[in-house]
Amino acid sequence: MGSANVDFTVTVERLPREGETVSGGRLHVGHGGKGANQAVAARRLGAEVRFLGCVGADASGDEIAARLAAQGIATDGLHRTSEAATGTALIIVDAEGRNQIAVAPGANRVLTPEMAEKREADFEWADVLLLQLETALPTVVWALRAARRHRVVTILNPAPARPLPEEIFPLVDYLTPNAGEAALLSGQPVQGVAAARAAAERLLERGAGTVVVTLGSAGALAADGTAAVHYPAFPVQAVDTTGAGDAFNAGLAVGLAAGGTLDQAMPLANAAAALTCTKTGAQDALPDRAQVEAFLRSFQRGV
């Protein structure tokens, strides 16, 4: 469950400073939104996926619905609204793959608990519920409670960063912040693996089951209150990091839904994220299962 957007991405040599215009870029128009990205990524990694979200009653909403359906994703839970336009993201990417993103959430914020409640059968069906914070917080809370009722594993990717009410943490089996989000939620800076572990321990104290802090090219740190394990990233030449976090979360969800342990799911998540960084765009860059498995085999052979 989550957001679905149209993405306008401009690739330039460097990111602009405040008040500066950087010219000479290339435009890529695609589809994104953390929720839709994660749904597409999970589907390409082999999962059966149902998506709950909200888009506008406009041409962009039509395109997103068609795109998801073409991927083999059930869209019965994709609501249409005339109250707001389909969400839109403006993305700038530099030559090193770093990005700046501004989002007009539009219809994503119109997704209500009442809309989600009509799809409770989807929660009963699921093995894993994957959410983010680009939809209204009351709807996120409702979904987490519904998943608990149906004994569904919950993954909350707390992005974009915002303070969260205490009631959320005990409803989350896997909390997956990046370094900035972990810093905001824990109240301490996160620079490096040791700091990520300290932040994760604070979030565990707030009630999360397992905390996985993603650290970009430094990999990820997973802590569950008894142990903390650092999983290094796979080295690649980054072209565009947009969507890498979504690919990571989808890989984690797919690995857990298949009955894997965290040790088994994390390589899938890290590999999916790494491959996403090698192409431009969000959904257009997401790898399929065969690509990920070939990538993992290449590292097992030491290539």
Protein backbone atom coordinates (compact mmCIF):
# COMPACT_ATOMS: atom_id res chain seq x y z
CA MET A 1 0.00 0.00 0.00
CA GLY A 2 1.34 3.43 -0.86
CA SER A 3 1.93 6.21 -3.33
CA ALA A 4 1.89 6.26 -7.13
CA ASN A 5 3.35 9.19 -9.07
CA VAL A 6 4.43 10.44 -12.45
CA ASP A 7 8.18 11.19 -12.35
CA PHE A 8 9.97 13.92 -14.30
CA THR A 9 13.73 13.27 -14.03
CA VAL A 10 16.43 15.63 -15.31
CA THR A 11 20.00 14.31 -15.41
CA VAL A 12 22.68 17.02 -15.17
CA GLU A 13 26.41 17.16 -14.47
CA ARG A 14 25.93 18.42 -10.92
CA LEU A 15 23.11 19.27 -8.54
CA PRO A 16 22.17 22.98 -8.46
CA ARG A 17 22.95 25.15 -5.46
CA GLU A 18 20.28 27.39 -3.92
CA GLY A 19 19.04 29.89 -6.51
CA GLU A 20 21.13 28.35 -9.30
CA THR A 21 20.05 26.98 -12.68
CA VAL A 22 22.07 24.09 -14.13
CA SER A 23 21.45 23.61 -17.85
CA GLY A 24 22.37 20.92 -20.38
CA GLY A 25 20.32 18.15 -18.81
CA ARG A 26 18.39 15.20 -20.26
CA LEU A 27 14.70 14.65 -19.41
CA HIS A 28 13.24 11.25 -18.58
CA VAL A 29 9.48 10.90 -17.94
CA GLY A 30 8.49 7.76 -16.10
CA HIS A 31 6.39 6.36 -13.29
CA GLY A 32 7.25 6.28 -9.60
CA GLY A 33 5.96 6.83 -6.10
CA LYS A 34 7.42 4.70 -3.35
CA GLY A 35 4.38 2.44 -3.11
CA ALA A 36 4.09 1.75 -6.84
CA ASN A 37 7.88 1.36 -7.16
CA GLN A 38 7.92 -1.24 -4.42
CA ALA A 39 4.93 -3.05 -5.92
CA VAL A 40 6.57 -3.23 -9.36
CA ALA A 41 9.92 -4.26 -7.85
CA ALA A 42 8.30 -7.07 -5.82
CA ARG A 43 6.40 -8.29 -8.88
CA ARG A 44 9.56 -8.36 -11.00
CA LEU A 45 11.28 -10.34 -8.25
CA GLY A 46 8.59 -13.02 -8.54
CA ALA A 47 5.95 -12.15 -5.94
CA GLU A 48 2.21 -12.04 -6.46
CA VAL A 49 1.28 -8.46 -5.66
CA ARG A 50 -1.88 -6.52 -4.88
CA PHE A 51 -1.56 -2.74 -4.73
CA LEU A 52 -3.65 -0.28 -2.70
CA GLY A 53 -3.34 3.39 -3.54
CA CYS A 54 -5.07 6.45 -4.95
CA VAL A 55 -4.54 8.39 -8.19
CA GLY A 56 -6.38 11.25 -9.83
CA ALA A 57 -9.23 10.92 -12.29
CA ASP A 58 -6.87 12.15 -15.00
CA ALA A 59 -4.65 10.94 -17.84
CA SER A 60 -1.71 10.35 -15.49
CA GLY A 61 -3.89 8.16 -13.29
CA ASP A 62 -4.93 6.18 -16.38
CA GLU A 63 -1.27 5.67 -17.31
CA ILE A 64 -0.33 4.47 -13.82
CA ALA A 65 -3.24 2.01 -13.67
CA ALA A 66 -2.34 0.63 -17.09
CA ARG A 67 1.33 0.38 -16.17
CA LEU A 68 0.66 -1.57 -12.98
CA ALA A 69 -1.78 -3.90 -14.73
CA ALA A 70 0.76 -4.54 -17.49
CA GLN A 71 3.22 -5.66 -14.81
CA GLY A 72 0.71 -8.25 -13.60
CA ILE A 73 -0.20 -6.35 -10.43
CA ALA A 74 -3.79 -6.50 -9.18
CA THR A 75 -5.15 -2.94 -9.15
CA ASP A 76 -8.68 -3.47 -7.81
CA GLY A 77 -7.51 -1.46 -4.79
CA LEU A 78 -6.27 1.50 -6.86
CA HIS A 79 -8.82 4.22 -6.08
CA ARG A 80 -9.56 7.15 -8.40
CA THR A 81 -10.42 10.61 -7.09
CA SER A 82 -11.49 13.94 -8.54
CA GLU A 83 -10.39 15.74 -5.34
CA ALA A 84 -6.75 15.99 -6.41
CA ALA A 85 -4.44 15.35 -9.34
CA THR A 86 -2.24 12.28 -9.58
CA GLY A 87 0.95 12.65 -7.54
CA THR A 88 3.96 14.14 -9.32
CA ALA A 89 7.69 14.00 -8.52
CA LEU A 90 10.38 16.33 -9.86
CA ILE A 91 13.81 14.67 -9.70
CA ILE A 92 17.30 16.01 -10.43
CA VAL A 93 20.17 13.50 -10.78
CA ASP A 94 23.87 14.36 -11.06
CA ALA A 95 26.71 12.57 -12.84
CA GLU A 96 27.44 10.48 -9.73
CA GLY A 97 23.85 9.26 -9.41
CA ARG A 98 22.96 11.46 -6.44
CA ASN A 99 19.52 13.05 -6.51
CA GLN A 100 17.26 15.80 -5.23
CA ILE A 101 13.51 15.11 -5.22
CA ALA A 102 10.44 17.29 -4.70
CA VAL A 103 6.99 15.69 -4.62
CA ALA A 104 3.46 17.04 -5.01
CA PRO A 105 1.58 14.13 -3.38
CA GLY A 106 -1.84 15.06 -4.75
CA ALA A 107 -4.19 12.08 -4.79
CA ASN A 108 -1.86 9.98 -2.63
CA ARG A 109 -2.97 11.97 0.42
CA VAL A 110 -6.62 11.27 -0.40
CA LEU A 111 -6.28 7.54 0.38
CA THR A 112 -8.38 7.15 3.53
CA PRO A 113 -8.76 4.37 6.12
CA GLU A 114 -12.30 3.89 4.79
CA MET A 115 -10.94 3.19 1.31
CA ALA A 116 -8.43 0.70 2.70
CA GLU A 117 -11.07 -0.96 4.86
CA LYS A 118 -12.96 -1.96 1.71
CA ARG A 119 -9.91 -4.03 0.75
CA GLU A 120 -9.49 -5.92 4.03
CA ALA A 121 -9.68 -9.20 2.12
CA ASP A 122 -6.33 -8.25 0.57
CA PHE A 123 -4.78 -8.08 4.04
CA GLU A 124 -6.16 -11.51 4.87
CA TRP A 125 -4.64 -12.83 1.60
CA ALA A 126 -1.17 -11.35 2.05
CA ASP A 127 2.00 -12.84 3.54
CA VAL A 128 3.66 -9.42 3.86
CA LEU A 129 2.36 -5.85 4.00
CA LEU A 130 4.82 -3.22 2.76
CA LEU A 131 4.10 0.47 3.44
CA GLN A 132 5.75 3.90 3.30
CA LEU A 133 4.81 7.40 4.48
CA GLU A 134 3.70 9.10 1.26
CA THR A 135 0.06 8.40 2.14
CA ALA A 136 -1.94 9.78 5.08
CA LEU A 137 -0.67 8.58 8.46
CA PRO A 138 -4.11 7.47 9.76
CA THR A 139 -4.38 5.16 6.75
CA VAL A 140 -0.93 3.72 7.46
CA VAL A 141 -1.92 3.04 11.07
CA TRP A 142 -5.18 1.39 9.99
CA ALA A 143 -3.31 -0.87 7.56
CA LEU A 144 -0.77 -1.91 10.19
CA ARG A 145 -3.57 -2.80 12.60
CA ALA A 146 -5.38 -4.76 9.86
CA ALA A 147 -2.20 -6.70 9.15
CA ARG A 148 -1.86 -7.52 12.84
CA ARG A 149 -5.44 -8.86 12.88
CA HIS A 150 -4.59 -11.20 10.03
CA ARG A 151 -1.10 -12.14 11.30
CA VAL A 152 0.61 -10.58 8.29
CA VAL A 153 4.30 -9.61 8.47
CA THR A 154 4.61 -5.82 8.36
CA ILE A 155 7.41 -3.76 6.81
CA LEU A 156 7.33 0.01 7.23
CA ASN A 157 9.72 2.06 5.12
CA PRO A 158 9.47 5.38 7.06
CA ALA A 159 10.02 7.60 4.03
CA PRO A 160 9.85 10.48 3.59
CA ALA A 161 11.11 11.15 7.09
CA ARG A 162 8.62 12.44 9.65
CA PRO A 163 8.06 11.98 13.39
CA LEU A 164 5.87 8.98 14.17
CA PRO A 165 3.42 8.38 17.01
CA GLU A 166 4.48 5.79 19.56
CA GLU A 167 1.54 3.53 18.67
CA ILE A 168 3.10 2.70 15.30
CA PHE A 169 6.34 1.04 16.42
CA PRO A 170 4.85 -2.07 18.12
CA LEU A 171 2.83 -2.70 14.93
CA VAL A 172 5.96 -2.92 12.77
CA ASP A 173 7.86 -6.18 12.34
CA TYR A 174 10.57 -4.63 10.14
CA LEU A 175 11.33 -0.91 10.23
CA THR A 176 13.59 0.11 7.32
CA PRO A 177 14.82 3.72 7.62
CA ASN A 178 17.77 5.13 5.73
CA ALA A 179 20.43 7.02 7.70
CA GLY A 180 18.55 10.33 7.66
CA GLU A 181 15.25 8.76 8.63
CA ALA A 182 16.90 6.73 11.40
CA ALA A 183 18.48 9.92 12.74
CA LEU A 184 15.15 11.75 12.83
CA LEU A 185 13.29 8.87 14.47
CA SER A 186 15.99 8.02 17.01
CA GLY A 187 17.06 11.59 17.82
CA GLN A 188 20.74 11.01 17.13
CA PRO A 189 23.00 11.43 14.08
CA VAL A 190 23.70 8.38 11.94
CA GLN A 191 27.08 8.37 10.27
CA GLY A 192 28.50 4.91 9.74
CA VAL A 193 27.66 1.42 10.92
CA ALA A 194 28.29 1.96 14.63
CA ALA A 195 25.98 4.97 14.76
CA ALA A 196 23.36 3.04 12.77
CA ARG A 197 23.45 0.30 15.41
CA ALA A 198 22.95 2.81 18.22
CA ALA A 199 20.01 4.40 16.38
CA ALA A 200 18.51 0.97 15.68
CA GLU A 201 18.68 0.08 19.37
CA ARG A 202 16.72 3.20 20.26
CA LEU A 203 14.05 2.31 17.72
CA LEU A 204 13.87 -1.23 19.07
CA GLU A 205 13.22 0.28 22.49
CA ARG A 206 10.23 2.08 20.99
CA GLY A 207 8.73 -1.27 20.01
CA ALA A 208 9.81 -2.15 16.46
CA GLY A 209 10.48 -5.86 15.97
CA THR A 210 13.59 -5.57 13.77
CA VAL A 211 15.27 -2.40 12.50
CA VAL A 212 17.13 -2.40 9.19
CA VAL A 213 19.04 0.85 8.59
CA THR A 214 20.04 1.29 4.95
CA LEU A 215 23.35 3.08 4.44
CA GLY A 216 23.65 3.47 0.67
CA SER A 217 27.01 2.30 -0.62
CA ALA A 218 27.88 1.13 2.91
CA GLY A 219 25.13 -1.52 2.82
CA ALA A 220 22.66 -2.06 5.64
CA LEU A 221 22.65 -2.76 9.38
CA ALA A 222 19.97 -5.07 10.80
CA ALA A 223 19.27 -5.30 14.54
CA ASP A 224 16.61 -7.28 16.42
CA GLY A 225 17.52 -6.72 20.07
CA THR A 226 19.69 -9.82 20.38
CA ALA A 227 22.16 -9.24 17.55
CA ALA A 228 23.16 -6.64 14.99
CA VAL A 229 24.52 -7.67 11.59
CA HIS A 230 26.10 -5.49 8.92
CA TYR A 231 25.36 -6.53 5.33
CA PRO A 232 27.80 -4.87 2.88
CA ALA A 233 26.46 -3.40 -0.36
CA PHE A 234 27.38 -4.84 -3.75
CA PRO A 235 29.73 -2.46 -5.61
CA VAL A 236 28.35 -1.00 -8.86
CA GLN A 237 28.88 2.11 -10.95
CA ALA A 238 25.91 4.27 -9.93
CA VAL A 239 24.04 6.11 -12.68
CA ASP A 240 20.91 7.09 -10.74
CA THR A 241 20.09 6.09 -7.16
CA THR A 242 16.37 6.92 -7.55
CA GLY A 243 14.31 3.87 -6.58
CA ALA A 244 17.19 1.95 -5.00
CA GLY A 245 15.61 2.10 -1.55
CA ASP A 246 12.31 0.91 -3.00
CA ALA A 247 14.04 -2.03 -4.69
CA PHE A 248 15.72 -2.88 -1.39
CA ASN A 249 12.43 -2.91 0.51
CA ALA A 250 10.76 -4.99 -2.19
CA GLY A 251 13.60 -7.52 -2.11
CA LEU A 252 13.32 -7.77 1.65
CA ALA A 253 9.55 -8.26 1.41
CA VAL A 254 9.82 -10.91 -1.30
CA GLY A 255 12.50 -12.84 0.60
CA LEU A 256 10.46 -12.84 3.79
CA ALA A 257 7.20 -13.69 1.99
CA ALA A 258 8.93 -16.73 0.51
CA GLY A 259 9.69 -17.94 4.02
CA GLY A 260 13.33 -16.89 4.07
CA THR A 261 15.29 -15.71 7.06
CA LEU A 262 16.74 -12.21 7.24
CA ASP A 263 20.13 -13.64 6.25
CA GLN A 264 18.51 -15.12 3.14
CA ALA A 265 16.44 -12.07 2.27
CA MET A 266 19.13 -9.40 2.67
CA PRO A 267 21.33 -10.44 -0.31
CA LEU A 268 18.26 -10.31 -2.55
CA ALA A 269 17.42 -6.85 -1.20
CA ASN A 270 20.96 -5.50 -1.56
CA ALA A 271 21.36 -6.93 -5.07
CA ALA A 272 18.05 -5.47 -6.27
CA ALA A 273 19.05 -2.06 -4.90
CA ALA A 274 22.51 -2.20 -6.49
CA LEU A 275 21.19 -3.09 -9.94
CA THR A 276 18.59 -0.32 -9.75
CA CYS A 277 21.40 2.22 -9.36
CA THR A 278 22.89 1.22 -12.74
CA LYS A 279 19.98 2.66 -14.79
CA THR A 280 18.07 5.94 -15.03
CA GLY A 281 14.57 6.28 -13.61
CA ALA A 282 12.57 4.60 -10.88
CA GLN A 283 10.37 1.79 -12.20
CA ASP A 284 12.23 1.64 -15.51
CA ALA A 285 15.42 0.75 -13.63
CA LEU A 286 14.02 -2.03 -11.43
CA PRO A 287 15.58 -5.46 -12.18
CA ASP A 288 13.76 -8.76 -12.64
CA ARG A 289 14.47 -11.96 -10.71
CA ALA A 290 16.68 -13.48 -13.42
CA GLN A 291 18.89 -10.38 -13.49
CA VAL A 292 19.24 -10.37 -9.72
CA GLU A 293 20.08 -14.07 -9.54
CA ALA A 294 22.69 -13.73 -12.31
CA PHE A 295 24.18 -10.77 -10.46
CA LEU A 296 24.38 -12.75 -7.21
CA ARG A 297 25.98 -15.71 -8.99
CA SER A 298 28.66 -13.44 -10.41
CA PHE A 299 29.69 -12.46 -6.89
CA GLN A 300 29.60 -16.04 -5.68
CA ARG A 301 32.09 -16.87 -8.44
CA GLY A 302 34.23 -13.93 -7.34
CA VAL A 303 33.73 -11.99 -10.58
